[in-house]
Amino acid sequence: MHVVHLAAEALPHVKVGGLADVLGSLPRALAAEGVRATVVLPRYRAIARALEPLGEVRYRFAGAER
């Protein structure tokens, strides 16, 4: 099973309310049970800066690579 979480916030990158706490821990808990879990967040400036050391980040969405 593959669970995809779409949200506006998730720890450790962006936190405004309680949703960030849930999406910071729930995917890890699901993975521990053998469930593939992915979190999709908007490309906020803070997240983009955190990912800069990784270089270019590529992803597939609706069959098209971005």
PDB file of N, CA and C in Angstrom:
ATOM      1  N   MET A   1       0.841  -1.169   0.000  1.00  0.00           N
ATOM      2  CA  MET A   1       0.000   0.000   0.000  1.00  0.00           C
ATOM      3  C   MET A   1       0.892   1.240   0.000  1.00  0.00           C
ATOM      4  N   HIS A   2       0.477   2.275  -0.717  1.00  0.00           N
ATOM      5  CA  HIS A   2       1.215   3.534  -0.769  1.00  0.00           C
ATOM      6  C   HIS A   2       0.252   4.649  -0.380  1.00  0.00           C
ATOM      7  N   VAL A   3       0.562   5.347   0.692  1.00  0.00           N
ATOM      8  CA  VAL A   3      -0.262   6.451   1.181  1.00  0.00           C
ATOM      9  C   VAL A   3       0.453   7.763   0.855  1.00  0.00           C
ATOM     10  N   VAL A   4      -0.255   8.686   0.210  1.00  0.00           N
ATOM     11  CA  VAL A   4       0.301   9.993  -0.115  1.00  0.00           C
ATOM     12  C   VAL A   4      -0.457  11.039   0.697  1.00  0.00           C
ATOM     13  N   HIS A   5       0.290  11.819   1.473  1.00  0.00           N
ATOM     14  CA  HIS A   5      -0.288  12.894   2.280  1.00  0.00           C
ATOM     15  C   HIS A   5      -0.025  14.217   1.572  1.00  0.00           C
ATOM     16  N   LEU A   6      -1.059  14.987   1.288  1.00  0.00           N
ATOM     17  CA  LEU A   6      -0.926  16.321   0.705  1.00  0.00           C
ATOM     18  C   LEU A   6      -1.278  17.312   1.800  1.00  0.00           C
ATOM     19  N   ALA A   7      -0.363  18.221   2.107  1.00  0.00           N
ATOM     20  CA  ALA A   7      -0.611  19.147   3.207  1.00  0.00           C
ATOM     21  C   ALA A   7       0.144  20.447   2.999  1.00  0.00           C
ATOM     22  N   ALA A   8      -0.227  21.443   3.783  1.00  0.00           N
ATOM     23  CA  ALA A   8       0.432  22.746   3.724  1.00  0.00           C
ATOM     24  C   ALA A   8       1.586  22.843   4.701  1.00  0.00           C
ATOM     25  N   GLU A   9       1.692  21.893   5.624  1.00  0.00           N
ATOM     26  CA  GLU A   9       2.755  21.951   6.615  1.00  0.00           C
ATOM     27  C   GLU A   9       3.114  20.548   7.103  1.00  0.00           C
ATOM     28  N   ALA A  10       4.373  20.380   7.508  1.00  0.00           N
ATOM     29  CA  ALA A  10       4.847  19.126   8.084  1.00  0.00           C
ATOM     30  C   ALA A  10       6.194  19.382   8.737  1.00  0.00           C
ATOM     31  N   LEU A  11       6.373  18.825   9.923  1.00  0.00           N
ATOM     32  CA  LEU A  11       7.666  18.933  10.592  1.00  0.00           C
ATOM     33  C   LEU A  11       8.679  18.071   9.851  1.00  0.00           C
ATOM     34  N   PRO A  12       9.894  18.438   9.750  1.00  0.00           N
ATOM     35  CA  PRO A  12      10.584  19.539  10.414  1.00  0.00           C
ATOM     36  C   PRO A  12      10.661  20.807   9.570  1.00  0.00           C
ATOM     37  N   HIS A  13       9.981  20.859   8.430  1.00  0.00           N
ATOM     38  CA  HIS A  13      10.160  21.972   7.498  1.00  0.00           C
ATOM     39  C   HIS A  13       9.269  23.179   7.756  1.00  0.00           C
ATOM     40  N   VAL A  14       7.981  22.963   7.933  1.00  0.00           N
ATOM     41  CA  VAL A  14       7.039  24.070   8.086  1.00  0.00           C
ATOM     42  C   VAL A  14       6.043  23.706   9.175  1.00  0.00           C
ATOM     43  N   LYS A  15       5.871  24.610  10.162  1.00  0.00           N
ATOM     44  CA  LYS A  15       4.908  24.355  11.228  1.00  0.00           C
ATOM     45  C   LYS A  15       4.128  25.623  11.541  1.00  0.00           C
ATOM     46  N   VAL A  16       2.812  25.496  11.468  1.00  0.00           N
ATOM     47  CA  VAL A  16       1.918  26.569  11.877  1.00  0.00           C
ATOM     48  C   VAL A  16       0.998  26.040  12.971  1.00  0.00           C
ATOM     49  N   GLY A  17       0.500  24.828  12.781  1.00  0.00           N
ATOM     50  CA  GLY A  17      -0.431  24.243  13.748  1.00  0.00           C
ATOM     51  C   GLY A  17      -0.148  22.771  13.969  1.00  0.00           C
ATOM     52  N   GLY A  18      -1.163  22.074  14.462  1.00  0.00           N
ATOM     53  CA  GLY A  18      -1.026  20.667  14.819  1.00  0.00           C
ATOM     54  C   GLY A  18      -0.855  19.725  13.644  1.00  0.00           C
ATOM     55  N   LEU A  19      -1.301  20.128  12.461  1.00  0.00           N
ATOM     56  CA  LEU A  19      -1.147  19.264  11.296  1.00  0.00           C
ATOM     57  C   LEU A  19       0.316  18.923  11.047  1.00  0.00           C
ATOM     58  N   ALA A  20       1.197  19.887  11.271  1.00  0.00           N
ATOM     59  CA  ALA A  20       2.632  19.656  11.069  1.00  0.00           C
ATOM     60  C   ALA A  20       3.135  18.541  11.978  1.00  0.00           C
ATOM     61  N   ASP A  21       2.640  18.494  13.207  1.00  0.00           N
ATOM     62  CA  ASP A  21       3.041  17.438  14.139  1.00  0.00           C
ATOM     63  C   ASP A  21       2.619  16.060  13.624  1.00  0.00           C
ATOM     64  N   VAL A  22       1.389  15.981  13.137  1.00  0.00           N
ATOM     65  CA  VAL A  22       0.871  14.705  12.629  1.00  0.00           C
ATOM     66  C   VAL A  22       1.677  14.249  11.419  1.00  0.00           C
ATOM     67  N   LEU A  23       1.895  15.158  10.459  1.00  0.00           N
ATOM     68  CA  LEU A  23       2.617  14.765   9.252  1.00  0.00           C
ATOM     69  C   LEU A  23       4.113  14.652   9.470  1.00  0.00           C
ATOM     70  N   GLY A  24       4.591  15.055  10.637  1.00  0.00           N
ATOM     71  CA  GLY A  24       5.977  14.813  10.990  1.00  0.00           C
ATOM     72  C   GLY A  24       6.187  13.424  11.551  1.00  0.00           C
ATOM     73  N   SER A  25       5.105  12.818  12.076  1.00  0.00           N
ATOM     74  CA  SER A  25       5.261  11.507  12.720  1.00  0.00           C
ATOM     75  C   SER A  25       4.470  10.377  12.050  1.00  0.00           C
ATOM     76  N   LEU A  26       3.311  10.663  11.498  1.00  0.00           N
ATOM     77  CA  LEU A  26       2.478   9.609  10.918  1.00  0.00           C
ATOM     78  C   LEU A  26       3.160   8.830   9.790  1.00  0.00           C
ATOM     79  N   PRO A  27       3.817   9.482   8.835  1.00  0.00           N
ATOM     80  CA  PRO A  27       4.481   8.693   7.781  1.00  0.00           C
ATOM     81  C   PRO A  27       5.539   7.736   8.326  1.00  0.00           C
ATOM     82  N   ARG A  28       6.255   8.148   9.359  1.00  0.00           N
ATOM     83  CA  ARG A  28       7.254   7.250   9.970  1.00  0.00           C
ATOM     84  C   ARG A  28       6.575   6.052  10.627  1.00  0.00           C
ATOM     85  N   ALA A  29       5.468   6.304  11.304  1.00  0.00           N
ATOM     86  CA  ALA A  29       4.734   5.215  11.954  1.00  0.00           C
ATOM     87  C   ALA A  29       4.182   4.248  10.904  1.00  0.00           C
ATOM     88  N   LEU A  30       3.668   4.775   9.811  1.00  0.00           N
ATOM     89  CA  LEU A  30       3.170   3.912   8.736  1.00  0.00           C
ATOM     90  C   LEU A  30       4.308   3.092   8.133  1.00  0.00           C
ATOM     91  N   ALA A  31       5.459   3.720   7.919  1.00  0.00           N
ATOM     92  CA  ALA A  31       6.608   3.007   7.355  1.00  0.00           C
ATOM     93  C   ALA A  31       7.048   1.868   8.270  1.00  0.00           C
ATOM     94  N   ALA A  32       6.972   2.086   9.571  1.00  0.00           N
ATOM     95  CA  ALA A  32       7.337   1.036  10.523  1.00  0.00           C
ATOM     96  C   ALA A  32       6.404  -0.171  10.414  1.00  0.00           C
ATOM     97  N   GLU A  33       5.192   0.054   9.894  1.00  0.00           N
ATOM     98  CA  GLU A  33       4.222  -1.024   9.702  1.00  0.00           C
ATOM     99  C   GLU A  33       4.270  -1.598   8.285  1.00  0.00           C
ATOM    100  N   GLY A  34       5.261  -1.142   7.495  1.00  0.00           N
ATOM    101  CA  GLY A  34       5.426  -1.677   6.151  1.00  0.00           C
ATOM    102  C   GLY A  34       4.641  -0.942   5.071  1.00  0.00           C
ATOM    103  N   VAL A  35       4.082   0.219   5.405  1.00  0.00           N
ATOM    104  CA  VAL A  35       3.317   1.010   4.440  1.00  0.00           C
ATOM    105  C   VAL A  35       4.231   2.062   3.828  1.00  0.00           C
ATOM    106  N   ARG A  36       4.239   2.179   2.515  1.00  0.00           N
ATOM    107  CA  ARG A  36       5.016   3.221   1.841  1.00  0.00           C
ATOM    108  C   ARG A  36       4.259   4.535   2.006  1.00  0.00           C
ATOM    109  N   ALA A  37       4.913   5.556   2.531  1.00  0.00           N
ATOM    110  CA  ALA A  37       4.252   6.830   2.795  1.00  0.00           C
ATOM    111  C   ALA A  37       5.056   7.975   2.191  1.00  0.00           C
ATOM    112  N   THR A  38       4.364   8.886   1.523  1.00  0.00           N
ATOM    113  CA  THR A  38       4.977  10.047   0.895  1.00  0.00           C
ATOM    114  C   THR A  38       4.250  11.293   1.375  1.00  0.00           C
ATOM    115  N   VAL A  39       4.996  12.361   1.646  1.00  0.00           N
ATOM    116  CA  VAL A  39       4.403  13.641   2.030  1.00  0.00           C
ATOM    117  C   VAL A  39       4.694  14.639   0.920  1.00  0.00           C
ATOM    118  N   VAL A  40       3.668  15.329   0.446  1.00  0.00           N
ATOM    119  CA  VAL A  40       3.812  16.342  -0.601  1.00  0.00           C
ATOM    120  C   VAL A  40       3.462  17.693   0.015  1.00  0.00           C
ATOM    121  N   LEU A  41       4.418  18.627  -0.090  1.00  0.00           N
ATOM    122  CA  LEU A  41       4.248  19.976   0.464  1.00  0.00           C
ATOM    123  C   LEU A  41       4.456  21.017  -0.626  1.00  0.00           C
ATOM    124  N   PRO A  42       3.893  22.210  -0.450  1.00  0.00           N
ATOM    125  CA  PRO A  42       4.210  23.302  -1.385  1.00  0.00           C
ATOM    126  C   PRO A  42       5.701  23.633  -1.313  1.00  0.00           C
ATOM    127  N   ARG A  43       6.227  24.198  -2.359  1.00  0.00           N
ATOM    128  CA  ARG A  43       7.656  24.555  -2.396  1.00  0.00           C
ATOM    129  C   ARG A  43       7.856  25.930  -1.745  1.00  0.00           C
ATOM    130  N   TYR A  44       7.675  25.956  -0.442  1.00  0.00           N
ATOM    131  CA  TYR A  44       7.913  27.185   0.317  1.00  0.00           C
ATOM    132  C   TYR A  44       9.400  27.521   0.275  1.00  0.00           C
ATOM    133  N   ARG A  45       9.718  28.804   0.433  1.00  0.00           N
ATOM    134  CA  ARG A  45      11.111  29.249   0.391  1.00  0.00           C
ATOM    135  C   ARG A  45      11.977  28.493   1.415  1.00  0.00           C
ATOM    136  N   ALA A  46      11.457  28.298   2.630  1.00  0.00           N
ATOM    137  CA  ALA A  46      12.233  27.612   3.680  1.00  0.00           C
ATOM    138  C   ALA A  46      12.556  26.176   3.278  1.00  0.00           C
ATOM    139  N   ILE A  47      11.621  25.511   2.630  1.00  0.00           N
ATOM    140  CA  ILE A  47      11.859  24.132   2.192  1.00  0.00           C
ATOM    141  C   ILE A  47      12.874  24.116   1.058  1.00  0.00           C
ATOM    142  N   ALA A  48      12.729  25.047   0.121  1.00  0.00           N
ATOM    143  CA  ALA A  48      13.676  25.113  -1.000  1.00  0.00           C
ATOM    144  C   ALA A  48      15.095  25.344  -0.494  1.00  0.00           C
ATOM    145  N   ARG A  49      15.251  26.221   0.504  1.00  0.00           N
ATOM    146  CA  ARG A  49      16.590  26.466   1.065  1.00  0.00           C
ATOM    147  C   ARG A  49      17.138  25.219   1.742  1.00  0.00           C
ATOM    148  N   ALA A  50      16.284  24.487   2.447  1.00  0.00           N
ATOM    149  CA  ALA A  50      16.727  23.274   3.145  1.00  0.00           C
ATOM    150  C   ALA A  50      17.178  22.203   2.160  1.00  0.00           C
ATOM    151  N   LEU A  51      16.590  22.197   0.963  1.00  0.00           N
ATOM    152  CA  LEU A  51      16.929  21.181  -0.038  1.00  0.00           C
ATOM    153  C   LEU A  51      18.087  21.579  -0.938  1.00  0.00           C
ATOM    154  N   GLU A  52      18.511  22.839  -0.898  1.00  0.00           N
ATOM    155  CA  GLU A  52      19.605  23.303  -1.755  1.00  0.00           C
ATOM    156  C   GLU A  52      20.856  22.428  -1.684  1.00  0.00           C
ATOM    157  N   PRO A  53      21.287  21.993  -0.482  1.00  0.00           N
ATOM    158  CA  PRO A  53      22.502  21.161  -0.430  1.00  0.00           C
ATOM    159  C   PRO A  53      22.363  19.837  -1.180  1.00  0.00           C
ATOM    160  N   LEU A  54      21.140  19.397  -1.443  1.00  0.00           N
ATOM    161  CA  LEU A  54      20.929  18.139  -2.157  1.00  0.00           C
ATOM    162  C   LEU A  54      21.076  18.295  -3.666  1.00  0.00           C
ATOM    163  N   GLY A  55      21.153  19.535  -4.139  1.00  0.00           N
ATOM    164  CA  GLY A  55      21.220  19.777  -5.573  1.00  0.00           C
ATOM    165  C   GLY A  55      19.827  19.825  -6.159  1.00  0.00           C
ATOM    166  N   GLU A  56      19.718  19.568  -7.451  1.00  0.00           N
ATOM    167  CA  GLU A  56      18.426  19.622  -8.120  1.00  0.00           C
ATOM    168  C   GLU A  56      17.543  18.470  -7.651  1.00  0.00           C
ATOM    169  N   VAL A  57      16.296  18.770  -7.350  1.00  0.00           N
ATOM    170  CA  VAL A  57      15.338  17.749  -6.929  1.00  0.00           C
ATOM    171  C   VAL A  57      14.373  17.511  -8.084  1.00  0.00           C
ATOM    172  N   ARG A  58      14.306  16.276  -8.580  1.00  0.00           N
ATOM    173  CA  ARG A  58      13.415  15.913  -9.679  1.00  0.00           C
ATOM    174  C   ARG A  58      12.298  15.044  -9.123  1.00  0.00           C
ATOM    175  N   TYR A  59      11.127  15.138  -9.715  1.00  0.00           N
ATOM    176  CA  TYR A  59      10.008  14.326  -9.272  1.00  0.00           C
ATOM    177  C   TYR A  59       9.091  14.047 -10.455  1.00  0.00           C
ATOM    178  N   ARG A  60       8.256  13.039 -10.304  1.00  0.00           N
ATOM    179  CA  ARG A  60       7.275  12.699 -11.331  1.00  0.00           C
ATOM    180  C   ARG A  60       5.891  13.018 -10.786  1.00  0.00           C
ATOM    181  N   PHE A  61       5.090  13.686 -11.604  1.00  0.00           N
ATOM    182  CA  PHE A  61       3.725  14.013 -11.225  1.00  0.00           C
ATOM    183  C   PHE A  61       2.848  13.800 -12.449  1.00  0.00           C
ATOM    184  N   ALA A  62       1.820  12.995 -12.304  1.00  0.00           N
ATOM    185  CA  ALA A  62       0.903  12.694 -13.402  1.00  0.00           C
ATOM    186  C   ALA A  62       1.659  12.191 -14.626  1.00  0.00           C
ATOM    187  N   GLY A  63       2.709  11.407 -14.381  1.00  0.00           N
ATOM    188  CA  GLY A  63       3.452  10.788 -15.459  1.00  0.00           C
ATOM    189  C   GLY A  63       4.511  11.672 -16.121  1.00  0.00           C
ATOM    190  N   ALA A  64       4.578  12.947 -15.712  1.00  0.00           N
ATOM    191  CA  ALA A  64       5.552  13.857 -16.317  1.00  0.00           C
ATOM    192  C   ALA A  64       6.646  14.192 -15.305  1.00  0.00           C
ATOM    193  N   GLU A  65       7.884  14.177 -15.775  1.00  0.00           N
ATOM    194  CA  GLU A  65       8.986  14.531 -14.880  1.00  0.00           C
ATOM    195  C   GLU A  65       9.117  16.043 -14.806  1.00  0.00           C
ATOM    196  N   ARG A  66       9.345  16.552 -13.602  1.00  0.00           N
ATOM    197  CA  ARG A  66       9.472  18.012 -13.370  1.00  0.00           C
ATOM    198  C   ARG A  66      10.858  18.319 -12.856  1.00  0.00           C
TER     199      ARG A  66
END
